[in-house]
């Protein structure tokens, strides 16, 4: 990848200036400058200046290069943001005929931005995110050949994984096997590191695809309103504050500590997920929040799928520490209900100040 340096000797310093002025300049301008497209970069800079009143709520807090080396921000900044409940998106770039169709003559650059609706903070020092709403996409025309979920998982160091529960009932339901990873010689940027349960309904893979870059973008719009232990004892904040925010129509998010403990030993962890409907019991004085779908994975650093060590489903959390779970076994697609108690932190979306 070119760095945009030219005979005028200003390429590197200009790129540095772009990075330090991230809030004022567009990501498009920076990308064009990196690729050596100076005219397009200047045009994007003008567009960014014209729209400088529209300050983005999203910030690039960590960027890795193709070798997964930090070139902007820090892992510490990413952990700090996720710890405060921030939303996560990750941007990458690749060529169509290197990643999508290696037989194609189309070398067009594709920039992808992924929405990680569930995030993990592991050992209070490591971030991972999981895409929970994605089905297989066959670019550029539609979807993949079989109905399934694409539970892509990204770690802060660029380690990637996918768990794929099929939804069409074609595969066998037995699990518990691992297999040697198979690398595709036509895709040199893809390095398969491990594979599990290849012939089951829930195969998974651990891999690294060498994208042009990895940009960890966060939206830090949340305020912690209440934290309680697994018996509902208040640690900080107040239930009244949380209920007032719910009554105002604010969006709610929770961080559930130890949610995946029953999947196996691992480091302390907190799982963050958005809440959909909320129910305030006005006389019993507690609040129930029904979470969006989530994926549970045995905690580890880095976070990876292992055979028989993950599932997916829904949970409801109560402000007295009670958590109800309706979880799906990805190998059989059978649902089971269970309950547990967890310490929970409740976040409300806070007004943005300009």
Foldseek 3Di string as FASTA:
>chain_A
DAQQADPVRCRVVVLVVCQVVVQQFDPQLNVCSRVNNNVSNVVRNVVSNVVSVPGDLKDFQWKAFLVLHTDHHDLVSVLVLVVLPWWKKKKFKAFCCQPQNVVDPGRDIDIDIGGFQKWKQFLSRWIKGWRDPAAAARPPPGHDDFTWHWTWMAISSQKIKTKIQGDPPPFALDFDAWDDDDDDPSNVQKAWDTWTDPRFRIIMTIIGRRTRMMTIMIRRQKHWAFWAFLQLHTPDHDLVSVVVLVVVVWWKKKWWWPPQPVLDDEGTMTMIHTFDDKDAPPPVGKMKTKTDKDKHAHYYVVTYHDMSRIWIFIWMAMSRQKIKTFIADSRVRDTDIDIDGTIMIMMTGHDDDD
